[in-house]
Amino acid sequence: MNSLVKWSVDRLQVFTLSVPVGGSASASTATPAPAKPQTANFIGASITLDNNNVPGEKPLSSGDQSSLLSEALSSAAQTQQEIGLNVEGFKNASLFQ
């Protein structure tokens, strides 16, 4: 079983623009000036627990698939506990055995 933990942080910017709605404006009607664009900044963090096995030459039986999935989930649960990431559903690694 190969286990890899990937960390990433992304900076997101959201721009809000006001666009007037309606048909063409004539000289006799006053149209309000569009509002100034607004910008909001956000930070998004991500952790990926990548568990995989070495490719085989023949398909795995359903029992082997189940065993491999259980091992991958247990490994992910153990890793998240070791790094202090309390994710709901992975609090008890014995659930996957």
PDB file of N, CA and C in Angstrom:
ATOM      1  N   MET A   1       0.850  -1.179   0.000  1.00  0.00           N
ATOM      2  CA  MET A   1       0.000   0.000   0.000  1.00  0.00           C
ATOM      3  C   MET A   1       0.892   1.236   0.000  1.00  0.00           C
ATOM      4  N   ASN A   2       0.674   2.120  -0.944  1.00  0.00           N
ATOM      5  CA  ASN A   2       1.385   3.396  -1.004  1.00  0.00           C
ATOM      6  C   ASN A   2       0.502   4.463  -0.366  1.00  0.00           C
ATOM      7  N   SER A   3       1.088   5.283   0.501  1.00  0.00           N
ATOM      8  CA  SER A   3       0.340   6.360   1.161  1.00  0.00           C
ATOM      9  C   SER A   3       1.062   7.677   0.942  1.00  0.00           C
ATOM     10  N   LEU A   4       0.306   8.689   0.565  1.00  0.00           N
ATOM     11  CA  LEU A   4       0.864  10.005   0.301  1.00  0.00           C
ATOM     12  C   LEU A   4      -0.090  11.054   0.856  1.00  0.00           C
ATOM     13  N   VAL A   5       0.453  12.056   1.535  1.00  0.00           N
ATOM     14  CA  VAL A   5      -0.351  13.167   2.055  1.00  0.00           C
ATOM     15  C   VAL A   5       0.040  14.416   1.272  1.00  0.00           C
ATOM     16  N   LYS A   6      -0.939  15.043   0.630  1.00  0.00           N
ATOM     17  CA  LYS A   6      -0.682  16.257  -0.154  1.00  0.00           C
ATOM     18  C   LYS A   6      -1.383  17.430   0.528  1.00  0.00           C
ATOM     19  N   TRP A   7      -0.644  18.514   0.740  1.00  0.00           N
ATOM     20  CA  TRP A   7      -1.168  19.731   1.346  1.00  0.00           C
ATOM     21  C   TRP A   7      -1.182  20.818   0.295  1.00  0.00           C
ATOM     22  N   SER A   8      -2.213  21.640   0.283  1.00  0.00           N
ATOM     23  CA  SER A   8      -2.218  22.788  -0.623  1.00  0.00           C
ATOM     24  C   SER A   8      -3.041  23.918  -0.017  1.00  0.00           C
ATOM     25  N   VAL A   9      -2.685  25.145  -0.414  1.00  0.00           N
ATOM     26  CA  VAL A   9      -3.413  26.334  -0.006  1.00  0.00           C
ATOM     27  C   VAL A   9      -3.656  27.165  -1.254  1.00  0.00           C
ATOM     28  N   ASP A  10      -4.877  27.622  -1.432  1.00  0.00           N
ATOM     29  CA  ASP A  10      -5.233  28.433  -2.590  1.00  0.00           C
ATOM     30  C   ASP A  10      -5.757  29.783  -2.125  1.00  0.00           C
ATOM     31  N   ARG A  11      -5.394  30.810  -2.844  1.00  0.00           N
ATOM     32  CA  ARG A  11      -5.927  32.155  -2.596  1.00  0.00           C
ATOM     33  C   ARG A  11      -6.959  32.424  -3.670  1.00  0.00           C
ATOM     34  N   LEU A  12      -8.182  32.704  -3.263  1.00  0.00           N
ATOM     35  CA  LEU A  12      -9.282  32.941  -4.185  1.00  0.00           C
ATOM     36  C   LEU A  12      -9.708  34.402  -4.117  1.00  0.00           C
ATOM     37  N   GLN A  13     -10.000  34.981  -5.259  1.00  0.00           N
ATOM     38  CA  GLN A  13     -10.544  36.332  -5.314  1.00  0.00           C
ATOM     39  C   GLN A  13     -11.888  36.270  -6.034  1.00  0.00           C
ATOM     40  N   VAL A  14     -12.892  36.886  -5.417  1.00  0.00           N
ATOM     41  CA  VAL A  14     -14.223  36.944  -6.005  1.00  0.00           C
ATOM     42  C   VAL A  14     -14.519  38.403  -6.338  1.00  0.00           C
ATOM     43  N   PHE A  15     -14.830  38.660  -7.604  1.00  0.00           N
ATOM     44  CA  PHE A  15     -15.165  40.007  -8.058  1.00  0.00           C
ATOM     45  C   PHE A  15     -16.673  40.101  -8.236  1.00  0.00           C
ATOM     46  N   THR A  16     -17.274  41.156  -7.690  1.00  0.00           N
ATOM     47  CA  THR A  16     -18.709  41.401  -7.838  1.00  0.00           C
ATOM     48  C   THR A  16     -18.879  42.671  -8.666  1.00  0.00           C
ATOM     49  N   LEU A  17     -19.575  42.529  -9.787  1.00  0.00           N
ATOM     50  CA  LEU A  17     -19.809  43.653 -10.688  1.00  0.00           C
ATOM     51  C   LEU A  17     -21.298  43.934 -10.764  1.00  0.00           C
ATOM     52  N   SER A  18     -21.651  45.191 -10.838  1.00  0.00           N
ATOM     53  CA  SER A  18     -23.040  45.589 -10.996  1.00  0.00           C
ATOM     54  C   SER A  18     -23.253  45.959 -12.461  1.00  0.00           C
ATOM     55  N   VAL A  19     -24.197  45.287 -13.105  1.00  0.00           N
ATOM     56  CA  VAL A  19     -24.488  45.549 -14.508  1.00  0.00           C
ATOM     57  C   VAL A  19     -25.927  46.045 -14.603  1.00  0.00           C
ATOM     58  N   PRO A  20     -26.145  47.240 -15.173  1.00  0.00           N
ATOM     59  CA  PRO A  20     -27.511  47.747 -15.294  1.00  0.00           C
ATOM     60  C   PRO A  20     -28.327  46.870 -16.253  1.00  0.00           C
ATOM     61  N   VAL A  21     -29.608  46.712 -15.927  1.00  0.00           N
ATOM     62  CA  VAL A  21     -30.497  45.884 -16.728  1.00  0.00           C
ATOM     63  C   VAL A  21     -31.473  46.782 -17.469  1.00  0.00           C
ATOM     64  N   GLY A  22     -31.792  46.441 -18.679  1.00  0.00           N
ATOM     65  CA  GLY A  22     -32.791  47.208 -19.425  1.00  0.00           C
ATOM     66  C   GLY A  22     -32.369  47.403 -20.868  1.00  0.00           C
ATOM     67  N   GLY A  23     -33.228  48.118 -21.599  1.00  0.00           N
ATOM     68  CA  GLY A  23     -32.957  48.379 -23.012  1.00  0.00           C
ATOM     69  C   GLY A  23     -31.994  49.533 -23.169  1.00  0.00           C
ATOM     70  N   SER A  24     -31.964  50.082 -24.362  1.00  0.00           N
ATOM     71  CA  SER A  24     -31.046  51.191 -24.632  1.00  0.00           C
ATOM     72  C   SER A  24     -31.534  52.444 -23.898  1.00  0.00           C
ATOM     73  N   ALA A  25     -30.593  53.192 -23.397  1.00  0.00           N
ATOM     74  CA  ALA A  25     -30.918  54.415 -22.652  1.00  0.00           C
ATOM     75  C   ALA A  25     -31.032  55.579 -23.630  1.00  0.00           C
ATOM     76  N   SER A  26     -32.087  56.388 -23.469  1.00  0.00           N
ATOM     77  CA  SER A  26     -32.228  57.580 -24.315  1.00  0.00           C
ATOM     78  C   SER A  26     -31.646  58.781 -23.590  1.00  0.00           C
ATOM     79  N   ALA A  27     -31.487  59.868 -24.291  1.00  0.00           N
ATOM     80  CA  ALA A  27     -30.883  61.064 -23.705  1.00  0.00           C
ATOM     81  C   ALA A  27     -31.760  61.671 -22.624  1.00  0.00           C
ATOM     82  N   SER A  28     -33.090  61.426 -22.668  1.00  0.00           N
ATOM     83  CA  SER A  28     -33.984  62.057 -21.706  1.00  0.00           C
ATOM     84  C   SER A  28     -34.059  61.311 -20.373  1.00  0.00           C
ATOM     85  N   THR A  29     -33.663  60.053 -20.348  1.00  0.00           N
ATOM     86  CA  THR A  29     -33.716  59.299 -19.083  1.00  0.00           C
ATOM     87  C   THR A  29     -32.334  59.237 -18.474  1.00  0.00           C
ATOM     88  N   ALA A  30     -32.303  59.458 -17.195  1.00  0.00           N
ATOM     89  CA  ALA A  30     -31.026  59.407 -16.479  1.00  0.00           C
ATOM     90  C   ALA A  30     -30.797  57.994 -15.974  1.00  0.00           C
ATOM     91  N   THR A  31     -29.664  57.431 -16.279  1.00  0.00           N
ATOM     92  CA  THR A  31     -29.324  56.099 -15.790  1.00  0.00           C
ATOM     93  C   THR A  31     -28.315  56.240 -14.662  1.00  0.00           C
ATOM     94  N   PRO A  32     -28.543  55.513 -13.574  1.00  0.00           N
ATOM     95  CA  PRO A  32     -27.595  55.613 -12.466  1.00  0.00           C
ATOM     96  C   PRO A  32     -26.242  55.021 -12.863  1.00  0.00           C
ATOM     97  N   ALA A  33     -25.211  55.566 -12.301  1.00  0.00           N
ATOM     98  CA  ALA A  33     -23.864  55.053 -12.576  1.00  0.00           C
ATOM     99  C   ALA A  33     -23.713  53.673 -11.945  1.00  0.00           C
ATOM    100  N   PRO A  34     -23.061  52.752 -12.637  1.00  0.00           N
ATOM    101  CA  PRO A  34     -22.875  51.425 -12.045  1.00  0.00           C
ATOM    102  C   PRO A  34     -22.024  51.510 -10.779  1.00  0.00           C
ATOM    103  N   ALA A  35     -22.321  50.614  -9.850  1.00  0.00           N
ATOM    104  CA  ALA A  35     -21.570  50.582  -8.594  1.00  0.00           C
ATOM    105  C   ALA A  35     -20.137  50.146  -8.864  1.00  0.00           C
ATOM    106  N   LYS A  36     -19.239  50.574  -8.004  1.00  0.00           N
ATOM    107  CA  LYS A  36     -17.833  50.218  -8.127  1.00  0.00           C
ATOM    108  C   LYS A  36     -17.678  48.708  -7.887  1.00  0.00           C
ATOM    109  N   PRO A  37     -16.858  48.042  -8.697  1.00  0.00           N
ATOM    110  CA  PRO A  37     -16.648  46.596  -8.479  1.00  0.00           C
ATOM    111  C   PRO A  37     -16.088  46.330  -7.081  1.00  0.00           C
ATOM    112  N   GLN A  38     -16.522  45.231  -6.490  1.00  0.00           N
ATOM    113  CA  GLN A  38     -16.058  44.848  -5.159  1.00  0.00           C
ATOM    114  C   GLN A  38     -15.236  43.577  -5.275  1.00  0.00           C
ATOM    115  N   THR A  39     -14.207  43.484  -4.452  1.00  0.00           N
ATOM    116  CA  THR A  39     -13.335  42.318  -4.436  1.00  0.00           C
ATOM    117  C   THR A  39     -13.323  41.719  -3.040  1.00  0.00           C
ATOM    118  N   ALA A  40     -13.438  40.401  -2.971  1.00  0.00           N
ATOM    119  CA  ALA A  40     -13.329  39.685  -1.690  1.00  0.00           C
ATOM    120  C   ALA A  40     -12.239  38.624  -1.836  1.00  0.00           C
ATOM    121  N   ASN A  41     -11.389  38.502  -0.831  1.00  0.00           N
ATOM    122  CA  ASN A  41     -10.305  37.522  -0.836  1.00  0.00           C
ATOM    123  C   ASN A  41     -10.598  36.403   0.155  1.00  0.00           C
ATOM    124  N   PHE A  42     -10.297  35.174  -0.242  1.00  0.00           N
ATOM    125  CA  PHE A  42     -10.512  34.007   0.603  1.00  0.00           C
ATOM    126  C   PHE A  42      -9.288  33.097   0.509  1.00  0.00           C
ATOM    127  N   ILE A  43      -9.023  32.356   1.580  1.00  0.00           N
ATOM    128  CA  ILE A  43      -7.963  31.354   1.601  1.00  0.00           C
ATOM    129  C   ILE A  43      -8.639  29.990   1.755  1.00  0.00           C
ATOM    130  N   GLY A  44      -8.295  29.057   0.887  1.00  0.00           N
ATOM    131  CA  GLY A  44      -8.851  27.703   0.950  1.00  0.00           C
ATOM    132  C   GLY A  44      -7.731  26.689   1.138  1.00  0.00           C
ATOM    133  N   ALA A  45      -7.848  25.849   2.148  1.00  0.00           N
ATOM    134  CA  ALA A  45      -6.832  24.828   2.422  1.00  0.00           C
ATOM    135  C   ALA A  45      -7.370  23.459   2.037  1.00  0.00           C
ATOM    136  N   SER A  46      -6.469  22.576   1.608  1.00  0.00           N
ATOM    137  CA  SER A  46      -6.871  21.248   1.173  1.00  0.00           C
ATOM    138  C   SER A  46      -5.818  20.229   1.596  1.00  0.00           C
ATOM    139  N   ILE A  47      -6.281  19.087   2.062  1.00  0.00           N
ATOM    140  CA  ILE A  47      -5.400  17.957   2.377  1.00  0.00           C
ATOM    141  C   ILE A  47      -5.946  16.747   1.629  1.00  0.00           C
ATOM    142  N   THR A  48      -5.076  16.082   0.875  1.00  0.00           N
ATOM    143  CA  THR A  48      -5.477  14.881   0.141  1.00  0.00           C
ATOM    144  C   THR A  48      -4.708  13.692   0.696  1.00  0.00           C
ATOM    145  N   LEU A  49      -5.432  12.665   1.116  1.00  0.00           N
ATOM    146  CA  LEU A  49      -4.811  11.417   1.565  1.00  0.00           C
ATOM    147  C   LEU A  49      -4.920  10.438   0.398  1.00  0.00           C
ATOM    148  N   ASP A  50      -3.804  10.202  -0.272  1.00  0.00           N
ATOM    149  CA  ASP A  50      -3.771   9.377  -1.481  1.00  0.00           C
ATOM    150  C   ASP A  50      -3.196   8.011  -1.134  1.00  0.00           C
ATOM    151  N   ASN A  51      -4.052   7.003  -1.068  1.00  0.00           N
ATOM    152  CA  ASN A  51      -3.634   5.629  -0.780  1.00  0.00           C
ATOM    153  C   ASN A  51      -3.923   4.779  -2.015  1.00  0.00           C
ATOM    154  N   ASN A  52      -2.918   4.032  -2.463  1.00  0.00           N
ATOM    155  CA  ASN A  52      -3.118   3.177  -3.636  1.00  0.00           C
ATOM    156  C   ASN A  52      -2.218   1.968  -3.552  1.00  0.00           C
ATOM    157  N   ASN A  53      -2.486   1.010  -4.411  1.00  0.00           N
ATOM    158  CA  ASN A  53      -1.681  -0.201  -4.430  1.00  0.00           C
ATOM    159  C   ASN A  53      -0.958  -0.323  -5.769  1.00  0.00           C
ATOM    160  N   VAL A  54      -0.030  -1.227  -5.830  1.00  0.00           N
ATOM    161  CA  VAL A  54       0.718  -1.484  -7.056  1.00  0.00           C
ATOM    162  C   VAL A  54      -0.204  -2.214  -8.034  1.00  0.00           C
ATOM    163  N   PRO A  55      -0.220  -1.801  -9.302  1.00  0.00           N
ATOM    164  CA  PRO A  55      -1.085  -2.480 -10.275  1.00  0.00           C
ATOM    165  C   PRO A  55      -0.726  -3.960 -10.404  1.00  0.00           C
ATOM    166  N   GLY A  56      -1.744  -4.777 -10.553  1.00  0.00           N
ATOM    167  CA  GLY A  56      -1.542  -6.205 -10.743  1.00  0.00           C
ATOM    168  C   GLY A  56      -1.802  -6.605 -12.185  1.00  0.00           C
ATOM    169  N   GLU A  57      -1.418  -7.823 -12.517  1.00  0.00           N
ATOM    170  CA  GLU A  57      -1.606  -8.303 -13.889  1.00  0.00           C
ATOM    171  C   GLU A  57      -3.012  -8.839 -14.132  1.00  0.00           C
ATOM    172  N   LYS A  58      -3.694  -9.246 -13.065  1.00  0.00           N
ATOM    173  CA  LYS A  58      -5.058  -9.754 -13.224  1.00  0.00           C
ATOM    174  C   LYS A  58      -5.985  -9.012 -12.269  1.00  0.00           C
ATOM    175  N   PRO A  59      -7.265  -8.970 -12.569  1.00  0.00           N
ATOM    176  CA  PRO A  59      -8.220  -8.280 -11.685  1.00  0.00           C
ATOM    177  C   PRO A  59      -8.261  -8.913 -10.300  1.00  0.00           C
ATOM    178  N   LEU A  60      -8.508  -8.086  -9.291  1.00  0.00           N
ATOM    179  CA  LEU A  60      -8.616  -8.577  -7.923  1.00  0.00           C
ATOM    180  C   LEU A  60      -9.974  -9.216  -7.694  1.00  0.00           C
ATOM    181  N   SER A  61     -10.007 -10.222  -6.854  1.00  0.00           N
ATOM    182  CA  SER A  61     -11.292 -10.830  -6.479  1.00  0.00           C
ATOM    183  C   SER A  61     -12.046  -9.841  -5.598  1.00  0.00           C
ATOM    184  N   SER A  62     -13.338 -10.062  -5.410  1.00  0.00           N
ATOM    185  CA  SER A  62     -14.127  -9.149  -4.585  1.00  0.00           C
ATOM    186  C   SER A  62     -13.620  -9.142  -3.144  1.00  0.00           C
ATOM    187  N   GLY A  63     -13.151 -10.275  -2.658  1.00  0.00           N
ATOM    188  CA  GLY A  63     -12.601 -10.337  -1.303  1.00  0.00           C
ATOM    189  C   GLY A  63     -11.326  -9.524  -1.176  1.00  0.00           C
ATOM    190  N   ASP A  64     -10.450  -9.623  -2.202  1.00  0.00           N
ATOM    191  CA  ASP A  64      -9.210  -8.839  -2.195  1.00  0.00           C
ATOM    192  C   ASP A  64      -9.507  -7.347  -2.319  1.00  0.00           C
ATOM    193  N   GLN A  65     -10.497  -7.000  -3.138  1.00  0.00           N
ATOM    194  CA  GLN A  65     -10.890  -5.594  -3.271  1.00  0.00           C
ATOM    195  C   GLN A  65     -11.379  -5.042  -1.940  1.00  0.00           C
ATOM    196  N   SER A  66     -12.199  -5.816  -1.259  1.00  0.00           N
ATOM    197  CA  SER A  66     -12.729  -5.408   0.040  1.00  0.00           C
ATOM    198  C   SER A  66     -11.608  -5.240   1.060  1.00  0.00           C
ATOM    199  N   SER A  67     -10.673  -6.179   1.069  1.00  0.00           N
ATOM    200  CA  SER A  67      -9.549  -6.120   1.991  1.00  0.00           C
ATOM    201  C   SER A  67      -8.663  -4.911   1.701  1.00  0.00           C
ATOM    202  N   LEU A  68      -8.413  -4.632   0.431  1.00  0.00           N
ATOM    203  CA  LEU A  68      -7.582  -3.507   0.034  1.00  0.00           C
ATOM    204  C   LEU A  68      -8.244  -2.173   0.389  1.00  0.00           C
ATOM    205  N   LEU A  69      -9.554  -2.076   0.158  1.00  0.00           N
ATOM    206  CA  LEU A  69     -10.287  -0.866   0.515  1.00  0.00           C
ATOM    207  C   LEU A  69     -10.266  -0.651   2.028  1.00  0.00           C
ATOM    208  N   SER A  70     -10.450  -1.712   2.780  1.00  0.00           N
ATOM    209  CA  SER A  70     -10.407  -1.612   4.240  1.00  0.00           C
ATOM    210  C   SER A  70      -9.032  -1.135   4.710  1.00  0.00           C
ATOM    211  N   GLU A  71      -7.975  -1.668   4.103  1.00  0.00           N
ATOM    212  CA  GLU A  71      -6.618  -1.250   4.456  1.00  0.00           C
ATOM    213  C   GLU A  71      -6.393   0.225   4.112  1.00  0.00           C
ATOM    214  N   ALA A  72      -6.893   0.662   2.962  1.00  0.00           N
ATOM    215  CA  ALA A  72      -6.740   2.066   2.549  1.00  0.00           C
ATOM    216  C   ALA A  72      -7.480   3.001   3.505  1.00  0.00           C
ATOM    217  N   LEU A  73      -8.695   2.640   3.884  1.00  0.00           N
ATOM    218  CA  LEU A  73      -9.476   3.470   4.803  1.00  0.00           C
ATOM    219  C   LEU A  73      -8.845   3.504   6.194  1.00  0.00           C
ATOM    220  N   SER A  74      -8.341   2.383   6.654  1.00  0.00           N
ATOM    221  CA  SER A  74      -7.670   2.337   7.953  1.00  0.00           C
ATOM    222  C   SER A  74      -6.406   3.187   7.934  1.00  0.00           C
ATOM    223  N   SER A  75      -5.666   3.125   6.836  1.00  0.00           N
ATOM    224  CA  SER A  75      -4.459   3.935   6.698  1.00  0.00           C
ATOM    225  C   SER A  75      -4.801   5.424   6.699  1.00  0.00           C
ATOM    226  N   ALA A  76      -5.861   5.806   5.990  1.00  0.00           N
ATOM    227  CA  ALA A  76      -6.291   7.213   5.964  1.00  0.00           C
ATOM    228  C   ALA A  76      -6.721   7.668   7.354  1.00  0.00           C
ATOM    229  N   ALA A  77      -7.451   6.817   8.071  1.00  0.00           N
ATOM    230  CA  ALA A  77      -7.892   7.160   9.427  1.00  0.00           C
ATOM    231  C   ALA A  77      -6.699   7.333  10.361  1.00  0.00           C
ATOM    232  N   GLN A  78      -5.720   6.441  10.262  1.00  0.00           N
ATOM    233  CA  GLN A  78      -4.536   6.530  11.109  1.00  0.00           C
ATOM    234  C   GLN A  78      -3.742   7.799  10.784  1.00  0.00           C
ATOM    235  N   THR A  79      -3.586   8.110   9.509  1.00  0.00           N
ATOM    236  CA  THR A  79      -2.845   9.304   9.098  1.00  0.00           C
ATOM    237  C   THR A  79      -3.517  10.567   9.608  1.00  0.00           C
ATOM    238  N   GLN A  80      -4.829  10.674   9.457  1.00  0.00           N
ATOM    239  CA  GLN A  80      -5.518  11.886   9.915  1.00  0.00           C
ATOM    240  C   GLN A  80      -5.432  12.028  11.424  1.00  0.00           C
ATOM    241  N   GLN A  81      -5.416  10.935  12.154  1.00  0.00           N
ATOM    242  CA  GLN A  81      -5.255  11.015  13.608  1.00  0.00           C
ATOM    243  C   GLN A  81      -3.845  11.450  13.978  1.00  0.00           C
ATOM    244  N   GLU A  82      -2.836  10.955  13.234  1.00  0.00           N
ATOM    245  CA  GLU A  82      -1.442  11.304  13.519  1.00  0.00           C
ATOM    246  C   GLU A  82      -1.156  12.788  13.269  1.00  0.00           C
ATOM    247  N   ILE A  83      -1.806  13.374  12.261  1.00  0.00           N
ATOM    248  CA  ILE A  83      -1.552  14.781  11.956  1.00  0.00           C
ATOM    249  C   ILE A  83      -2.510  15.714  12.688  1.00  0.00           C
ATOM    250  N   GLY A  84      -3.439  15.144  13.468  1.00  0.00           N
ATOM    251  CA  GLY A  84      -4.351  15.959  14.274  1.00  0.00           C
ATOM    252  C   GLY A  84      -5.508  16.545  13.490  1.00  0.00           C
ATOM    253  N   LEU A  85      -5.874  15.910  12.407  1.00  0.00           N
ATOM    254  CA  LEU A  85      -6.992  16.365  11.581  1.00  0.00           C
ATOM    255  C   LEU A  85      -8.230  15.570  11.998  1.00  0.00           C
ATOM    256  N   ASN A  86      -9.128  16.203  12.731  1.00  0.00           N
ATOM    257  CA  ASN A  86     -10.308  15.510  13.251  1.00  0.00           C
ATOM    258  C   ASN A  86     -11.460  15.597  12.249  1.00  0.00           C
ATOM    259  N   VAL A  87     -11.540  14.585  11.390  1.00  0.00           N
ATOM    260  CA  VAL A  87     -12.567  14.524  10.362  1.00  0.00           C
ATOM    261  C   VAL A  87     -13.658  13.573  10.821  1.00  0.00           C
ATOM    262  N   GLU A  88     -14.901  14.044  10.773  1.00  0.00           N
ATOM    263  CA  GLU A  88     -16.032  13.214  11.165  1.00  0.00           C
ATOM    264  C   GLU A  88     -16.066  11.952  10.301  1.00  0.00           C
ATOM    265  N   GLY A  89     -16.252  10.799  10.931  1.00  0.00           N
ATOM    266  CA  GLY A  89     -16.326   9.542  10.194  1.00  0.00           C
ATOM    267  C   GLY A  89     -15.039   8.742  10.230  1.00  0.00           C
ATOM    268  N   PHE A  90     -13.925   9.386  10.565  1.00  0.00           N
ATOM    269  CA  PHE A  90     -12.655   8.684  10.638  1.00  0.00           C
ATOM    270  C   PHE A  90     -12.124   8.633  12.067  1.00  0.00           C
ATOM    271  N   LYS A  91     -12.989   8.863  13.049  1.00  0.00           N
ATOM    272  CA  LYS A  91     -12.536   8.906  14.431  1.00  0.00           C
ATOM    273  C   LYS A  91     -12.201   7.517  14.983  1.00  0.00           C
ATOM    274  N   ASN A  92     -12.780   6.486  14.416  1.00  0.00           N
ATOM    275  CA  ASN A  92     -12.546   5.144  14.911  1.00  0.00           C
ATOM    276  C   ASN A  92     -12.082   4.264  13.764  1.00  0.00           C
ATOM    277  N   ALA A  93     -10.771   4.058  13.674  1.00  0.00           N
ATOM    278  CA  ALA A  93     -10.204   3.286  12.567  1.00  0.00           C
ATOM    279  C   ALA A  93     -10.666   1.843  12.592  1.00  0.00           C
ATOM    280  N   SER A  94     -11.076   1.322  13.737  1.00  0.00           N
ATOM    281  CA  SER A  94     -11.510  -0.064  13.811  1.00  0.00           C
ATOM    282  C   SER A  94     -12.819  -0.305  13.062  1.00  0.00           C
ATOM    283  N   LEU A  95     -13.538   0.754  12.704  1.00  0.00           N
ATOM    284  CA  LEU A  95     -14.779   0.574  11.942  1.00  0.00           C
ATOM    285  C   LEU A  95     -14.517  -0.019  10.572  1.00  0.00           C
ATOM    286  N   PHE A  96     -13.292   0.131  10.053  1.00  0.00           N
ATOM    287  CA  PHE A  96     -12.991  -0.313   8.699  1.00  0.00           C
ATOM    288  C   PHE A  96     -12.343  -1.685   8.653  1.00  0.00           C
ATOM    289  N   GLN A  97     -12.257  -2.347   9.776  1.00  0.00           N
ATOM    290  CA  GLN A  97     -11.592  -3.663   9.795  1.00  0.00           C
ATOM    291  C   GLN A  97     -12.588  -4.772   9.958  1.00  0.00           C
TER     292      GLN A  97
END
